[in-house]
Amino acid sequence: MTFLVVLAALFFLMLVAYRGFSVIIFAPIAALLAVLVTDPASVLPVYSGIFMEKMVVFVKLYFPVFLLGAVFGKVIELSGFSKSIVAAVIRLVGPQRAVLSIVLVSNILTYGGVSLFVVVFAVYPFAAEVFRQGNLPKRLIPGAIALGAFSYTMDALPGTPQIQNIIPTTFFHTDAYAAPWLGVIGGVFIFITGMAYLTWRMRQAAAAGEGYGTGHINEPEHVPEESLANPLVAILPLIAVGVLNKVFTLQLPRFYGANFETTLGGGLAPPLVIAAPPIPIWALEMALVSGIVLTLLLSFRLVTQRFSEGTRVAVLGALLASINTATEYGFGAVIAVLPGFLVIKNALASIPNPLVNEAISVTTLAGITGSASGGMSIALAALSGQFIAAANAAGISMEVLHRVAAMASGGMDTLPHNGAVITLLAVCGLTHRQSYKDIFAITVIKTSAVFVVIGVYYLTGIV
């Protein structure tokens, strides 16, 4: 019975998310209904003492990353830099390689620190133009963007500033560059396999005589390229974020050490001691601030014209994204204390291999919640201690745990109720029935890549 309560809560949350309801409202409802069935007297204490506390902890750690990432993406958009990069890649690769050009553009933007949601809005107008000119099926655009933005540059490649690669640093005391070779191997596997799949789908459509199609909605207007910035200038802020993230990651520990004590009160107040400073998070925050400042310096006139309105939109987007994920984190913390979860935990613990255990746990919860960051947060909050103990017993590096968790989070998270999937289809003016098949195929490839990486690690020992 207790096991069914947990499953009912999880599937209720998945159902309401799939039907478009806000998880900010329904995550606490789902969690507290499960508590109500289990122990009615505990509903209010659990809400205040577990759900809200864990939610606040998540916001405390990660809200600045969401905020700065959203603002950075917005100033890159306002400056015209994102459109400039898109146009340059399309010219370089050639419009006849439409899928490859869209994948590469999405790679550059996401690996440079632009939010996945911003990438969708930035890339789609150019993708539609290239596909229209080549008379290629519009329904394949979401699959191309998903491969470029929702896969290896989100959580596999070392140093990516996306939140899915930052969350594990808190649990495993690693940095964003953990297990670099495994990440690169996983990324190459996903790219080659994903491109092979999308190329096959293109050939299928061509053989059937299918073109771009008619009667589409949300068709973008043509963007004149002469108004775009020089692409060499446009890419500088993205390079700066990547380089400075690494520099700060290396240099900040030398300044702060394992613990930092500040005498800010000047002797009038006791010193403030910060134990185990979250260096990877600080490093990324400082890198994003640097990227924002550099973008402003390079394109001050264009950005300032719409800076007030643009940053307001970015802040609202960051608030929504962070609170969405934080409520799922709180939901997971409540589920983790229920007796039914012990059944799930023990079942997962029975998987003898610690890396396979972690991968299945993270990708399963990411799929159920429809959120890579939310599912990973739930899994690591409840099970990271178990993963670490098993890894230490097997002599497995924390860097490997980090990379496996990050990549697994971006596997089955893209089920139909995933917010990024819903946004991508809406922006492209397409439906699940038209285009979700290709997104799901990329999801399957992405999930299988985690186990490829695990296999490579055990065969070679490479990290």
Foldseek 3Di string as FASTA:
>chain_A
DLLVLLVVLLQVLLVCLLVPDFCLVNLLVSLLVSVCVVPVVCSVVLVVVFLVVLLVVLCVQPLLLLLLLLLLLLLLVLLLLLVQQLVVLCVVVDLVPLLVSLLVSLQLCQQLRHDLLSSLLSRQLVSLVSQQVVQFALLCVLLSNCLNHLFLLQFQAAQGSHVLLQVLCVLLVDASRFQHVLSVLLNVLLVVVSVVVSVVVRVVCVVVVHGHDDPFPLRDDDDDNVPHDNNVLSSVLSVQLSVQLVVQLVPVCVVAPQKHWDPVVVPPDHIDIDGRPSSNSVSNSVSSVVSSVSSCVSRVVSCVVCVVVSSVVSSVVSVSVSSSLSSLLSSLRSSLPGPSVVVVVVVLLVPLDLLVSLLCQQLVQLLSNLALSNSLSSSCVRCVVVSVVSCVVVVHRSSLVSSLSSLSSSANSNDSSHPSSVSSCVNSRHDCVSHVVSSNVSSNSSSVSSVVSVVVCVVPVRD
